[in-house]
Amino acid sequence: MEEDFKVIDNCLMIRMPIEVDHHKSVDISKRADRYIVSKKVGNVVFDFERTTFMDSSGVGVILGRYKKISCFGGKVYAVHAGNRIRRMLLLSGLENIVEIME
């Protein structure tokens, strides 16, 4: 899973797993926080290309990283969000703080 976290041009790119549930969310959050602090990234990009399921804990992962990165003036982006994931982002209100890219 370490290959799913990369820093490119001051952005932490996180390739989300097929299913984002409570157990995976805890791991994703811890790893992302380590990168944010140690690499001093400016933005976080969540790539949902292969994600087919995400529960509320996935929303928590995104919200938590937003709170962390926004303290430093950074932004959070979501890319490759399919209909199901996009709907979850909209219903949770995350579209107000996360830029959803096509």
Protein backbone atom coordinates (compact mmCIF):
# COMPACT_ATOMS: atom_id res chain seq x y z
CA MET A 1 0.00 0.00 0.00
CA GLU A 2 3.02 2.27 0.39
CA GLU A 3 3.12 2.65 -3.39
CA ASP A 4 -0.35 4.23 -3.14
CA PHE A 5 1.19 7.27 -1.40
CA LYS A 6 3.41 9.53 -3.50
CA VAL A 7 4.59 13.10 -3.22
CA ILE A 8 4.61 14.86 -6.59
CA ASP A 9 5.28 18.60 -6.90
CA ASN A 10 4.34 19.43 -3.30
CA CYS A 11 1.14 17.33 -3.51
CA LEU A 12 0.48 14.14 -1.60
CA MET A 13 -1.22 11.77 -4.03
CA ILE A 14 -3.24 9.04 -2.30
CA ARG A 15 -4.54 6.22 -4.46
CA MET A 16 -7.57 4.99 -2.56
CA PRO A 17 -8.29 1.24 -2.29
CA ILE A 18 -11.23 -0.59 -3.87
CA GLU A 19 -13.14 -0.45 -0.59
CA VAL A 20 -12.72 2.27 2.00
CA ASP A 21 -14.06 1.02 5.32
CA HIS A 22 -13.22 1.64 8.99
CA HIS A 23 -10.13 -0.59 9.07
CA LYS A 24 -8.58 0.82 5.93
CA SER A 25 -9.49 4.39 6.91
CA VAL A 26 -7.42 4.22 10.07
CA ASP A 27 -4.36 3.08 8.11
CA ILE A 28 -4.87 5.65 5.34
CA SER A 29 -5.20 8.47 7.90
CA LYS A 30 -2.03 7.49 9.78
CA ARG A 31 0.05 7.15 6.62
CA ALA A 32 -1.27 10.38 5.12
CA ASP A 33 -0.52 12.30 8.33
CA ARG A 34 3.05 11.01 8.34
CA TYR A 35 3.55 12.25 4.78
CA ILE A 36 1.91 15.61 5.47
CA VAL A 37 4.20 16.25 8.43
CA SER A 38 7.45 14.71 7.21
CA LYS A 39 7.34 15.83 3.57
CA LYS A 40 5.66 19.17 4.28
CA VAL A 41 3.24 18.82 1.38
CA GLY A 42 1.00 21.70 0.36
CA ASN A 43 -2.03 19.83 -1.01
CA VAL A 44 -3.62 16.40 -0.82
CA VAL A 45 -5.15 14.61 -3.82
CA PHE A 46 -7.37 11.58 -3.26
CA ASP A 47 -7.55 9.37 -6.37
CA PHE A 48 -10.73 7.27 -6.40
CA GLU A 49 -10.11 5.61 -9.77
CA ARG A 50 -10.41 2.06 -8.42
CA THR A 51 -12.73 2.77 -5.46
CA THR A 52 -16.18 1.21 -5.67
CA PHE A 53 -17.26 1.47 -2.02
CA MET A 54 -16.72 4.06 0.69
CA ASP A 55 -18.55 4.37 3.99
CA SER A 56 -18.64 7.30 6.41
CA SER A 57 -15.16 6.50 7.70
CA GLY A 58 -13.84 7.43 4.24
CA VAL A 59 -15.55 10.79 4.60
CA GLY A 60 -13.74 11.10 7.94
CA VAL A 61 -10.39 10.43 6.27
CA ILE A 62 -10.95 13.25 3.79
CA LEU A 63 -12.29 15.66 6.41
CA GLY A 64 -9.40 14.93 8.77
CA ARG A 65 -6.77 15.54 6.10
CA TYR A 66 -8.58 18.74 5.09
CA LYS A 67 -8.40 20.01 8.68
CA LYS A 68 -4.69 19.24 8.82
CA ILE A 69 -3.66 20.62 5.44
CA SER A 70 -5.87 23.72 5.56
CA CYS A 71 -3.95 24.91 8.64
CA PHE A 72 -0.99 25.35 6.30
CA GLY A 73 -3.06 26.97 3.53
CA GLY A 74 -3.32 23.75 1.54
CA LYS A 75 -6.24 22.28 -0.38
CA VAL A 76 -7.77 18.85 -0.84
CA TYR A 77 -8.81 17.46 -4.21
CA ALA A 78 -10.74 14.37 -5.29
CA VAL A 79 -10.06 12.90 -8.73
CA HIS A 80 -11.56 10.04 -10.72
CA ALA A 81 -14.60 9.85 -8.42
CA GLY A 82 -17.21 7.59 -9.98
CA ASN A 83 -20.93 8.21 -9.56
CA ARG A 84 -21.17 6.33 -6.27
CA ILE A 85 -18.19 8.10 -4.67
CA ARG A 86 -19.20 11.49 -6.09
CA ARG A 87 -22.67 11.04 -4.58
CA MET A 88 -21.14 10.23 -1.19
CA LEU A 89 -18.98 13.37 -1.38
CA LEU A 90 -22.00 15.51 -2.29
CA LEU A 91 -24.34 14.01 0.34
CA SER A 92 -21.73 14.48 3.07
CA GLY A 93 -21.23 18.13 2.13
CA LEU A 94 -17.55 17.61 1.30
CA GLU A 95 -17.97 19.37 -2.04
CA ASN A 96 -17.85 22.61 -0.02
CA ILE A 97 -14.26 21.96 1.13
CA VAL A 98 -12.91 19.47 -1.41
CA GLU A 99 -12.47 20.34 -5.06
CA ILE A 100 -13.91 17.47 -7.09
CA MET A 101 -12.02 17.22 -10.37
CA GLU A 102 -13.24 15.43 -13.49
